[in-house]
N, C-alpha and C. Protein backbone atom coordinates (compact mmCIF):
# COMPACT_ATOMS: atom_id res chain seq x y z
N MET A 1 0.84 -1.17 0.00
CA MET A 1 0.00 0.00 0.00
C MET A 1 0.89 1.23 0.00
N THR A 2 0.55 2.21 -0.76
CA THR A 2 1.36 3.42 -0.85
C THR A 2 0.88 4.44 0.16
N PRO A 3 1.80 5.25 0.67
CA PRO A 3 1.40 6.26 1.65
C PRO A 3 0.47 7.28 1.03
N PRO A 4 -0.40 7.89 1.82
CA PRO A 4 -1.28 8.92 1.30
C PRO A 4 -0.47 10.11 0.78
N SER A 5 -1.08 10.87 -0.11
CA SER A 5 -0.38 11.98 -0.74
C SER A 5 0.02 13.07 0.25
N ASN A 6 -0.66 13.15 1.38
CA ASN A 6 -0.31 14.16 2.37
C ASN A 6 0.66 13.64 3.42
N SER A 7 1.39 12.57 3.07
CA SER A 7 2.31 11.99 4.05
C SER A 7 3.48 12.92 4.31
N ARG A 8 4.13 12.69 5.44
CA ARG A 8 5.24 13.52 5.86
C ARG A 8 6.53 13.06 5.18
N PRO A 9 7.58 13.91 5.14
CA PRO A 9 8.82 13.53 4.50
C PRO A 9 9.45 12.32 5.18
N SER A 10 10.05 11.44 4.39
CA SER A 10 10.67 10.25 4.96
C SER A 10 12.06 10.05 4.39
N ASP A 11 12.83 9.19 5.07
CA ASP A 11 14.15 8.86 4.56
C ASP A 11 14.04 7.62 3.69
N PRO A 12 15.14 7.14 3.09
CA PRO A 12 15.06 6.01 2.17
C PRO A 12 14.52 4.73 2.79
N ARG A 13 14.63 4.55 4.11
CA ARG A 13 14.11 3.33 4.75
C ARG A 13 12.61 3.42 5.00
N GLY A 14 11.99 4.52 4.67
CA GLY A 14 10.56 4.67 4.88
C GLY A 14 10.20 5.18 6.26
N VAL A 15 11.18 5.62 7.04
CA VAL A 15 10.93 6.14 8.38
C VAL A 15 10.62 7.63 8.26
N VAL A 16 9.46 8.03 8.72
CA VAL A 16 9.06 9.42 8.67
C VAL A 16 9.81 10.19 9.75
N SER A 17 10.21 11.42 9.44
CA SER A 17 11.05 12.19 10.39
C SER A 17 10.37 12.39 11.74
N ASP A 18 9.05 12.67 11.78
CA ASP A 18 8.34 12.80 13.06
C ASP A 18 8.38 11.49 13.83
N ASP A 19 8.23 10.40 13.08
CA ASP A 19 8.25 9.08 13.70
C ASP A 19 9.63 8.79 14.30
N ARG A 20 10.65 9.20 13.60
CA ARG A 20 12.01 8.99 14.08
C ARG A 20 12.21 9.71 15.42
N ALA A 21 11.68 10.91 15.55
CA ALA A 21 11.80 11.66 16.80
C ALA A 21 11.06 10.94 17.93
N LEU A 22 9.89 10.37 17.64
CA LEU A 22 9.14 9.63 18.66
C LEU A 22 9.91 8.39 19.11
N ILE A 23 10.52 7.70 18.15
CA ILE A 23 11.31 6.50 18.47
C ILE A 23 12.51 6.90 19.33
N GLN A 24 13.17 8.00 18.97
CA GLN A 24 14.32 8.47 19.75
C GLN A 24 13.93 8.81 21.18
N SER A 25 12.77 9.45 21.37
CA SER A 25 12.35 9.79 22.74
C SER A 25 11.99 8.53 23.51
N TYR A 26 11.41 7.54 22.83
CA TYR A 26 11.07 6.26 23.45
C TYR A 26 12.35 5.57 23.93
N LEU A 27 13.33 5.54 23.06
CA LEU A 27 14.61 4.92 23.38
C LEU A 27 15.32 5.67 24.51
N ALA A 28 15.26 6.99 24.50
CA ALA A 28 15.91 7.79 25.53
C ALA A 28 15.30 7.54 26.91
N GLN A 29 13.99 7.29 26.96
CA GLN A 29 13.33 7.07 28.25
C GLN A 29 13.35 5.62 28.70
N HIS A 30 13.64 4.72 27.77
CA HIS A 30 13.64 3.29 28.08
C HIS A 30 14.94 2.69 27.52
N LEU A 31 16.02 2.88 28.25
CA LEU A 31 17.34 2.52 27.76
C LEU A 31 17.55 1.03 27.55
N ARG A 32 16.72 0.20 28.14
CA ARG A 32 16.90 -1.25 28.03
C ARG A 32 15.93 -1.88 27.03
N LEU A 33 15.46 -1.12 26.09
CA LEU A 33 14.55 -1.67 25.09
C LEU A 33 15.25 -2.72 24.24
N THR A 34 14.51 -3.76 23.90
CA THR A 34 15.04 -4.79 23.03
C THR A 34 14.88 -4.35 21.58
N ALA A 35 15.59 -5.02 20.70
CA ALA A 35 15.44 -4.75 19.27
C ALA A 35 14.01 -5.04 18.82
N GLY A 36 13.39 -6.07 19.42
CA GLY A 36 12.00 -6.41 19.08
C GLY A 36 11.03 -5.31 19.47
N ALA A 37 11.26 -4.68 20.63
CA ALA A 37 10.38 -3.59 21.08
C ALA A 37 10.51 -2.39 20.16
N LEU A 38 11.71 -2.08 19.74
CA LEU A 38 11.91 -0.97 18.80
C LEU A 38 11.30 -1.29 17.45
N SER A 39 11.44 -2.53 17.01
CA SER A 39 10.84 -2.94 15.74
C SER A 39 9.33 -2.80 15.79
N ALA A 40 8.72 -3.22 16.91
CA ALA A 40 7.27 -3.11 17.06
C ALA A 40 6.82 -1.66 16.99
N ALA A 41 7.56 -0.77 17.65
CA ALA A 41 7.21 0.66 17.65
C ALA A 41 7.33 1.23 16.24
N ARG A 42 8.42 0.92 15.55
CA ARG A 42 8.61 1.42 14.17
C ARG A 42 7.53 0.89 13.24
N HIS A 43 7.23 -0.40 13.38
CA HIS A 43 6.22 -1.03 12.53
C HIS A 43 4.86 -0.37 12.73
N PHE A 44 4.50 -0.13 13.98
CA PHE A 44 3.22 0.50 14.31
C PHE A 44 3.13 1.90 13.69
N LEU A 45 4.20 2.67 13.82
CA LEU A 45 4.20 4.03 13.26
C LEU A 45 4.16 3.99 11.73
N LYS A 46 4.88 3.05 11.13
CA LYS A 46 4.85 2.93 9.66
C LYS A 46 3.44 2.59 9.19
N TRP A 47 2.79 1.65 9.87
CA TRP A 47 1.42 1.27 9.51
C TRP A 47 0.49 2.47 9.65
N ALA A 48 0.61 3.21 10.75
CA ALA A 48 -0.25 4.38 10.98
C ALA A 48 -0.05 5.42 9.87
N THR A 49 1.19 5.69 9.52
CA THR A 49 1.48 6.67 8.47
C THR A 49 0.91 6.21 7.14
N THR A 50 1.09 4.94 6.83
CA THR A 50 0.59 4.38 5.58
C THR A 50 -0.93 4.51 5.48
N HIS A 51 -1.61 4.40 6.61
CA HIS A 51 -3.08 4.47 6.63
C HIS A 51 -3.59 5.88 6.93
N GLY A 52 -2.69 6.86 6.95
CA GLY A 52 -3.11 8.25 7.17
C GLY A 52 -3.61 8.54 8.57
N ILE A 53 -3.17 7.76 9.55
CA ILE A 53 -3.59 7.95 10.94
C ILE A 53 -2.56 8.84 11.63
N THR A 54 -3.02 9.97 12.15
CA THR A 54 -2.10 10.88 12.83
C THR A 54 -1.78 10.35 14.22
N HIS A 55 -0.68 10.84 14.77
CA HIS A 55 -0.26 10.38 16.10
C HIS A 55 -1.33 10.65 17.15
N THR A 56 -2.00 11.78 17.04
CA THR A 56 -3.00 12.12 18.06
C THR A 56 -4.21 11.20 18.01
N ASP A 57 -4.40 10.48 16.92
CA ASP A 57 -5.54 9.57 16.79
C ASP A 57 -5.20 8.13 17.16
N LEU A 58 -3.98 7.87 17.58
CA LEU A 58 -3.61 6.51 17.98
C LEU A 58 -4.24 6.18 19.33
N ASP A 59 -4.81 4.99 19.43
CA ASP A 59 -5.40 4.52 20.68
C ASP A 59 -5.44 3.01 20.65
N ALA A 60 -6.09 2.40 21.65
CA ALA A 60 -6.15 0.94 21.73
C ALA A 60 -6.89 0.35 20.53
N ALA A 61 -7.89 1.05 20.01
CA ALA A 61 -8.60 0.56 18.81
C ALA A 61 -7.66 0.53 17.61
N ALA A 62 -6.78 1.52 17.49
CA ALA A 62 -5.80 1.53 16.40
C ALA A 62 -4.83 0.36 16.56
N VAL A 63 -4.44 0.07 17.79
CA VAL A 63 -3.55 -1.07 18.04
C VAL A 63 -4.25 -2.36 17.62
N ASP A 64 -5.53 -2.50 17.94
CA ASP A 64 -6.28 -3.70 17.54
C ASP A 64 -6.36 -3.81 16.03
N ARG A 65 -6.59 -2.69 15.34
CA ARG A 65 -6.62 -2.72 13.86
C ARG A 65 -5.25 -3.08 13.31
N PHE A 66 -4.21 -2.54 13.91
CA PHE A 66 -2.84 -2.85 13.52
C PHE A 66 -2.58 -4.35 13.66
N ALA A 67 -3.03 -4.93 14.77
CA ALA A 67 -2.81 -6.36 15.01
C ALA A 67 -3.50 -7.24 13.97
N ARG A 68 -4.60 -6.74 13.38
CA ARG A 68 -5.36 -7.53 12.41
C ARG A 68 -5.00 -7.23 10.96
N HIS A 69 -4.14 -6.24 10.72
CA HIS A 69 -3.89 -5.85 9.32
C HIS A 69 -3.12 -6.93 8.56
N ARG A 70 -3.35 -6.95 7.26
CA ARG A 70 -2.61 -7.88 6.38
C ARG A 70 -1.28 -7.22 6.06
N CYS A 71 -0.28 -7.64 6.76
CA CYS A 71 1.00 -6.95 6.73
C CYS A 71 1.72 -7.13 5.39
N ARG A 72 1.94 -5.99 4.76
CA ARG A 72 2.79 -5.90 3.58
C ARG A 72 3.66 -4.66 3.77
N CYS A 73 4.23 -4.58 4.96
CA CYS A 73 4.95 -3.37 5.38
C CYS A 73 6.45 -3.48 5.15
N GLY A 74 6.87 -4.03 4.04
CA GLY A 74 8.29 -4.10 3.74
C GLY A 74 9.02 -5.11 4.59
N ARG A 75 9.90 -4.64 5.45
CA ARG A 75 10.75 -5.56 6.22
C ARG A 75 10.05 -6.22 7.40
N TYR A 76 8.80 -5.90 7.63
CA TYR A 76 8.04 -6.51 8.73
C TYR A 76 7.24 -7.68 8.19
N SER A 77 6.80 -8.57 9.09
CA SER A 77 6.08 -9.76 8.62
C SER A 77 4.78 -9.95 9.38
N PRO A 78 3.82 -10.65 8.74
CA PRO A 78 2.56 -10.95 9.43
C PRO A 78 2.76 -11.80 10.67
N GLY A 79 3.80 -12.64 10.67
CA GLY A 79 4.07 -13.49 11.83
C GLY A 79 4.34 -12.69 13.10
N GLN A 80 4.93 -11.51 12.95
CA GLN A 80 5.20 -10.68 14.13
C GLN A 80 3.90 -10.28 14.81
N LEU A 81 2.86 -10.03 14.03
CA LEU A 81 1.58 -9.59 14.58
C LEU A 81 0.90 -10.67 15.41
N ARG A 82 1.24 -11.93 15.17
CA ARG A 82 0.64 -13.03 15.93
C ARG A 82 1.40 -13.31 17.22
N ASN A 83 2.53 -12.64 17.41
CA ASN A 83 3.34 -12.84 18.60
C ASN A 83 2.80 -11.95 19.72
N PRO A 84 2.31 -12.55 20.82
CA PRO A 84 1.76 -11.74 21.91
C PRO A 84 2.76 -10.73 22.48
N GLY A 85 4.03 -11.09 22.53
CA GLY A 85 5.05 -10.19 23.05
C GLY A 85 5.22 -8.97 22.16
N TYR A 86 5.12 -9.17 20.86
CA TYR A 86 5.25 -8.07 19.91
C TYR A 86 4.13 -7.06 20.10
N MET A 87 2.90 -7.58 20.24
CA MET A 87 1.76 -6.69 20.43
C MET A 87 1.80 -6.02 21.80
N THR A 88 2.34 -6.68 22.81
CA THR A 88 2.53 -6.06 24.11
C THR A 88 3.50 -4.89 23.98
N ASP A 89 4.55 -5.08 23.17
CA ASP A 89 5.50 -3.99 22.94
C ASP A 89 4.83 -2.80 22.26
N VAL A 90 3.90 -3.07 21.34
CA VAL A 90 3.17 -1.98 20.68
C VAL A 90 2.33 -1.23 21.70
N ARG A 91 1.65 -1.96 22.58
CA ARG A 91 0.82 -1.31 23.61
C ARG A 91 1.66 -0.49 24.58
N ARG A 92 2.84 -0.99 24.91
CA ARG A 92 3.74 -0.22 25.79
C ARG A 92 4.21 1.05 25.09
N PHE A 93 4.45 0.96 23.79
CA PHE A 93 4.86 2.14 23.04
C PHE A 93 3.71 3.16 23.01
N LEU A 94 2.48 2.69 22.82
CA LEU A 94 1.34 3.59 22.85
C LEU A 94 1.26 4.29 24.20
N ARG A 95 1.49 3.56 25.27
CA ARG A 95 1.47 4.16 26.61
C ARG A 95 2.54 5.25 26.73
N HIS A 96 3.72 4.99 26.17
CA HIS A 96 4.78 6.00 26.16
C HIS A 96 4.31 7.25 25.42
N LEU A 97 3.67 7.07 24.27
CA LEU A 97 3.19 8.21 23.48
C LEU A 97 2.15 9.01 24.26
N GLU A 98 1.29 8.32 25.00
CA GLU A 98 0.29 9.00 25.82
C GLU A 98 0.98 9.81 26.93
N ASN A 99 1.94 9.18 27.59
CA ASN A 99 2.65 9.87 28.69
C ASN A 99 3.45 11.06 28.18
N ALA A 100 3.97 10.96 26.96
CA ALA A 100 4.77 12.04 26.38
C ALA A 100 3.90 13.16 25.80
N GLY A 101 2.59 12.93 25.73
CA GLY A 101 1.68 13.94 25.19
C GLY A 101 1.57 13.91 23.67
N ALA A 102 2.18 12.92 23.02
CA ALA A 102 2.10 12.81 21.56
C ALA A 102 0.76 12.24 21.12
N VAL A 103 0.10 11.51 22.00
CA VAL A 103 -1.22 10.94 21.73
C VAL A 103 -2.21 11.57 22.70
N ALA A 104 -3.26 12.10 22.15
CA ALA A 104 -4.28 12.76 22.97
C ALA A 104 -5.13 11.74 23.71
N VAL A 105 -5.41 12.03 24.96
CA VAL A 105 -6.34 11.23 25.75
C VAL A 105 -7.60 12.08 25.86
N PRO A 106 -8.76 11.55 25.46
CA PRO A 106 -9.99 12.35 25.46
C PRO A 106 -10.33 12.93 26.83
N ASP A 107 -11.03 14.07 26.81
CA ASP A 107 -11.49 14.70 28.04
C ASP A 107 -12.35 13.72 28.82
N GLY A 108 -12.21 13.73 30.12
CA GLY A 108 -13.00 12.87 30.99
C GLY A 108 -12.32 11.54 31.27
N VAL A 109 -11.37 11.13 30.42
CA VAL A 109 -10.63 9.89 30.66
C VAL A 109 -9.42 10.27 31.50
N GLU A 110 -9.41 9.73 32.70
CA GLU A 110 -8.39 10.11 33.67
C GLU A 110 -7.37 9.01 33.84
N ARG A 111 -6.17 9.37 34.16
CA ARG A 111 -5.13 8.40 34.51
C ARG A 111 -5.34 8.03 35.97
N LEU A 112 -5.84 6.84 36.20
CA LEU A 112 -6.14 6.41 37.58
C LEU A 112 -4.88 6.05 38.35
N ASP A 113 -3.76 5.87 37.66
CA ASP A 113 -2.55 5.48 38.36
C ASP A 113 -2.08 6.52 39.37
N LYS A 114 -2.59 7.75 39.26
CA LYS A 114 -2.22 8.77 40.25
C LYS A 114 -2.82 8.48 41.62
N TYR A 115 -3.80 7.57 41.69
CA TYR A 115 -4.43 7.22 42.96
C TYR A 115 -3.79 5.98 43.60
N LEU A 116 -2.85 5.35 42.92
CA LEU A 116 -2.30 4.09 43.40
C LEU A 116 -1.52 4.22 44.70
N ALA A 117 -0.78 5.29 44.86
CA ALA A 117 -0.01 5.45 46.10
C ALA A 117 -0.94 5.54 47.31
N ALA A 118 -2.01 6.31 47.19
CA ALA A 118 -2.97 6.43 48.29
C ALA A 118 -3.66 5.09 48.55
N PHE A 119 -3.93 4.34 47.47
CA PHE A 119 -4.55 3.02 47.62
C PHE A 119 -3.61 2.08 48.37
N ALA A 120 -2.32 2.13 48.07
CA ALA A 120 -1.34 1.29 48.76
C ALA A 120 -1.29 1.61 50.25
N VAL A 121 -1.32 2.90 50.57
CA VAL A 121 -1.32 3.32 51.98
C VAL A 121 -2.58 2.80 52.67
N ARG A 122 -3.71 2.92 51.99
CA ARG A 122 -4.99 2.45 52.56
C ARG A 122 -4.95 0.95 52.83
N LEU A 123 -4.40 0.17 51.91
CA LEU A 123 -4.31 -1.28 52.10
C LEU A 123 -3.46 -1.62 53.33
N GLU A 124 -2.34 -0.91 53.48
CA GLU A 124 -1.47 -1.14 54.63
C GLU A 124 -2.17 -0.74 55.93
N THR A 125 -2.91 0.38 55.89
CA THR A 125 -3.62 0.88 57.07
C THR A 125 -4.69 -0.12 57.52
N VAL A 126 -5.36 -0.73 56.57
CA VAL A 126 -6.42 -1.69 56.88
C VAL A 126 -5.83 -2.98 57.46
N GLY A 127 -4.54 -3.24 57.17
CA GLY A 127 -3.90 -4.41 57.77
C GLY A 127 -3.50 -5.50 56.80
N TYR A 128 -3.54 -5.23 55.52
CA TYR A 128 -3.09 -6.24 54.56
C TYR A 128 -1.59 -6.43 54.68
N GLY A 129 -1.14 -7.69 54.59
CA GLY A 129 0.28 -7.99 54.58
C GLY A 129 0.88 -7.61 53.23
N LYS A 130 2.21 -7.65 53.14
CA LYS A 130 2.89 -7.23 51.92
C LYS A 130 2.47 -8.05 50.69
N PRO A 131 2.40 -9.40 50.75
CA PRO A 131 2.01 -10.16 49.55
C PRO A 131 0.58 -9.81 49.08
N ALA A 132 -0.35 -9.71 50.02
CA ALA A 132 -1.74 -9.37 49.66
C ALA A 132 -1.83 -7.95 49.13
N CYS A 133 -1.10 -7.04 49.76
CA CYS A 133 -1.08 -5.64 49.34
C CYS A 133 -0.51 -5.54 47.92
N ASP A 134 0.59 -6.24 47.66
CA ASP A 134 1.21 -6.21 46.34
C ASP A 134 0.27 -6.76 45.27
N ALA A 135 -0.43 -7.85 45.60
CA ALA A 135 -1.36 -8.46 44.64
C ALA A 135 -2.51 -7.50 44.31
N ARG A 136 -3.07 -6.88 45.31
CA ARG A 136 -4.18 -5.95 45.08
C ARG A 136 -3.71 -4.68 44.34
N LEU A 137 -2.54 -4.23 44.67
CA LEU A 137 -1.98 -3.06 44.00
C LEU A 137 -1.69 -3.38 42.53
N SER A 138 -1.23 -4.59 42.27
CA SER A 138 -0.98 -5.01 40.89
C SER A 138 -2.28 -5.03 40.09
N GLN A 139 -3.34 -5.54 40.68
CA GLN A 139 -4.63 -5.56 39.98
C GLN A 139 -5.17 -4.14 39.80
N ALA A 140 -4.95 -3.27 40.76
CA ALA A 140 -5.39 -1.87 40.63
C ALA A 140 -4.62 -1.19 39.49
N ARG A 141 -3.32 -1.47 39.39
CA ARG A 141 -2.50 -0.93 38.30
C ARG A 141 -3.04 -1.42 36.95
N HIS A 142 -3.39 -2.70 36.91
CA HIS A 142 -3.95 -3.31 35.69
C HIS A 142 -5.27 -2.65 35.33
N PHE A 143 -6.13 -2.43 36.33
CA PHE A 143 -7.42 -1.78 36.09
C PHE A 143 -7.22 -0.37 35.55
N ALA A 144 -6.28 0.37 36.14
CA ALA A 144 -6.00 1.73 35.68
C ALA A 144 -5.54 1.73 34.22
N GLU A 145 -4.69 0.77 33.87
CA GLU A 145 -4.21 0.66 32.48
C GLU A 145 -5.37 0.32 31.54
N TRP A 146 -6.21 -0.62 31.94
CA TRP A 146 -7.34 -1.04 31.10
C TRP A 146 -8.33 0.11 30.90
N ILE A 147 -8.62 0.86 31.96
CA ILE A 147 -9.54 2.01 31.85
C ILE A 147 -8.99 3.02 30.85
N LEU A 148 -7.69 3.30 30.93
CA LEU A 148 -7.07 4.25 30.01
C LEU A 148 -7.14 3.73 28.58
N GLN A 149 -6.76 2.46 28.37
CA GLN A 149 -6.80 1.88 27.03
C GLN A 149 -8.21 1.85 26.46
N SER A 150 -9.18 1.59 27.31
CA SER A 150 -10.57 1.50 26.87
C SER A 150 -11.22 2.87 26.70
N ARG A 151 -10.52 3.92 27.18
CA ARG A 151 -11.00 5.31 27.07
C ARG A 151 -12.34 5.49 27.77
N ILE A 152 -12.46 4.90 28.96
CA ILE A 152 -13.69 5.00 29.75
C ILE A 152 -13.56 6.17 30.72
N PRO A 153 -14.43 7.17 30.62
CA PRO A 153 -14.39 8.28 31.57
C PRO A 153 -14.67 7.80 32.99
N VAL A 154 -14.01 8.42 33.96
CA VAL A 154 -14.13 8.01 35.36
C VAL A 154 -15.58 8.00 35.83
N GLN A 155 -16.35 9.02 35.44
CA GLN A 155 -17.74 9.09 35.89
C GLN A 155 -18.61 7.97 35.31
N GLU A 156 -18.11 7.25 34.31
CA GLU A 156 -18.88 6.15 33.73
C GLU A 156 -18.48 4.78 34.27
N ILE A 157 -17.55 4.73 35.25
CA ILE A 157 -17.15 3.46 35.85
C ILE A 157 -18.26 3.00 36.78
N THR A 158 -18.78 1.81 36.50
CA THR A 158 -19.86 1.22 37.30
C THR A 158 -19.46 -0.21 37.66
N ASP A 159 -20.34 -0.90 38.37
CA ASP A 159 -20.11 -2.32 38.66
C ASP A 159 -20.01 -3.12 37.36
N ALA A 160 -20.79 -2.73 36.36
CA ALA A 160 -20.74 -3.42 35.06
C ALA A 160 -19.37 -3.23 34.40
N THR A 161 -18.79 -2.04 34.56
CA THR A 161 -17.46 -1.77 34.02
C THR A 161 -16.43 -2.67 34.69
N ILE A 162 -16.54 -2.80 36.00
CA ILE A 162 -15.60 -3.64 36.75
C ILE A 162 -15.76 -5.10 36.35
N GLU A 163 -16.99 -5.52 36.14
CA GLU A 163 -17.23 -6.89 35.66
C GLU A 163 -16.64 -7.09 34.27
N GLN A 164 -16.78 -6.10 33.42
CA GLN A 164 -16.21 -6.16 32.07
C GLN A 164 -14.68 -6.28 32.16
N PHE A 165 -14.08 -5.52 33.05
CA PHE A 165 -12.63 -5.62 33.27
C PHE A 165 -12.25 -7.02 33.71
N ALA A 166 -13.00 -7.55 34.68
CA ALA A 166 -12.68 -8.87 35.22
C ALA A 166 -12.74 -9.95 34.15
N ARG A 167 -13.59 -9.78 33.16
CA ARG A 167 -13.80 -10.81 32.13
C ARG A 167 -13.08 -10.51 30.81
N HIS A 168 -12.38 -9.36 30.72
CA HIS A 168 -11.78 -9.00 29.43
C HIS A 168 -10.68 -9.97 29.00
N ASN A 169 -10.52 -10.10 27.70
CA ASN A 169 -9.46 -10.92 27.13
C ASN A 169 -8.19 -10.09 27.20
N CYS A 170 -7.40 -10.31 28.22
CA CYS A 170 -6.31 -9.40 28.54
C CYS A 170 -5.21 -9.40 27.48
N ARG A 171 -4.96 -8.19 26.98
CA ARG A 171 -3.84 -7.92 26.08
C ARG A 171 -3.20 -6.61 26.50
N CYS A 172 -3.29 -6.30 27.78
CA CYS A 172 -2.89 -5.00 28.29
C CYS A 172 -1.39 -4.81 28.40
N GLY A 173 -0.64 -5.88 28.51
CA GLY A 173 0.79 -5.74 28.70
C GLY A 173 1.18 -5.60 30.16
N ILE A 174 0.22 -5.69 31.05
CA ILE A 174 0.49 -5.62 32.48
C ILE A 174 0.71 -7.04 32.99
N ARG A 175 1.69 -7.18 33.87
CA ARG A 175 2.00 -8.47 34.49
C ARG A 175 2.21 -9.57 33.45
N THR A 176 3.06 -9.31 32.51
CA THR A 176 3.38 -10.33 31.52
C THR A 176 4.88 -10.53 31.46
N LYS A 177 5.27 -11.69 31.02
CA LYS A 177 6.67 -11.98 30.73
C LYS A 177 6.70 -12.45 29.28
N ARG A 178 7.44 -11.71 28.48
CA ARG A 178 7.55 -12.01 27.06
C ARG A 178 6.17 -12.14 26.40
N GLY A 179 5.23 -11.28 26.83
CA GLY A 179 3.92 -11.23 26.20
C GLY A 179 2.93 -12.25 26.70
N ARG A 180 3.35 -13.15 27.60
CA ARG A 180 2.43 -14.16 28.12
C ARG A 180 2.06 -13.81 29.55
N ARG A 181 0.76 -14.01 29.85
CA ARG A 181 0.28 -13.71 31.19
C ARG A 181 0.93 -14.65 32.20
N VAL A 182 1.26 -14.14 33.36
CA VAL A 182 1.84 -14.97 34.41
C VAL A 182 0.78 -15.24 35.48
N ALA A 183 1.09 -16.15 36.38
CA ALA A 183 0.14 -16.53 37.43
C ALA A 183 -0.36 -15.29 38.18
N GLY A 184 -1.63 -15.29 38.53
CA GLY A 184 -2.20 -14.19 39.30
C GLY A 184 -2.78 -13.07 38.45
N THR A 185 -2.93 -13.31 37.15
CA THR A 185 -3.47 -12.25 36.31
C THR A 185 -4.68 -12.71 35.50
N GLY A 186 -5.17 -13.89 35.77
CA GLY A 186 -6.31 -14.42 35.02
C GLY A 186 -7.63 -13.83 35.48
N THR A 187 -8.72 -14.29 34.85
CA THR A 187 -10.05 -13.80 35.12
C THR A 187 -10.42 -13.96 36.59
N ALA A 188 -10.12 -15.11 37.19
CA ALA A 188 -10.48 -15.34 38.59
C ALA A 188 -9.81 -14.31 39.51
N ASP A 189 -8.55 -14.00 39.24
CA ASP A 189 -7.86 -13.01 40.06
C ASP A 189 -8.43 -11.62 39.87
N ARG A 190 -8.80 -11.27 38.62
CA ARG A 190 -9.36 -9.95 38.38
C ARG A 190 -10.74 -9.82 39.00
N CYS A 191 -11.51 -10.91 39.10
CA CYS A 191 -12.84 -10.86 39.71
C CYS A 191 -12.76 -10.47 41.19
N ARG A 192 -11.67 -10.85 41.87
CA ARG A 192 -11.53 -10.49 43.29
C ARG A 192 -11.44 -8.98 43.43
């Protein structure tokens, strides 16, 4: 697929100059990135540029569309899109873009992670031990990430929203090792 006529200037490898700056900032803030994580970020940006999607319009729905696209993106392959770790790297890159202000988060959608420190103090005050406190804090972190990815405004969080979180097919990138969920992150744990 050819880039839209209003595409930004690129170098011979097909990397758009704005995209290159985003990748550089990602690398600067995450010094231990793997080559696979950088490849996932570059691939995602190349796909977005090819489809005329601006950085401010990137969100979890765009990541889902990216994961389903029929890849003919040059040096990238369709097999990468089926790798859970690769898609986790894309979601982590999206989170970086949100934190850097390159991707707009709609009004009313709040970053709940700012409440996590107070929640941890509350758990300790109530008397939870360290393992139980850590487990609950991990699930709260996961919930905050899922709310942000789902673009659900805080005032719209209900019991039904929490149930939807508990039952979601997790692809959040939270509590994973190499893209695979680890013990304590399944549906039963989220229901608690």
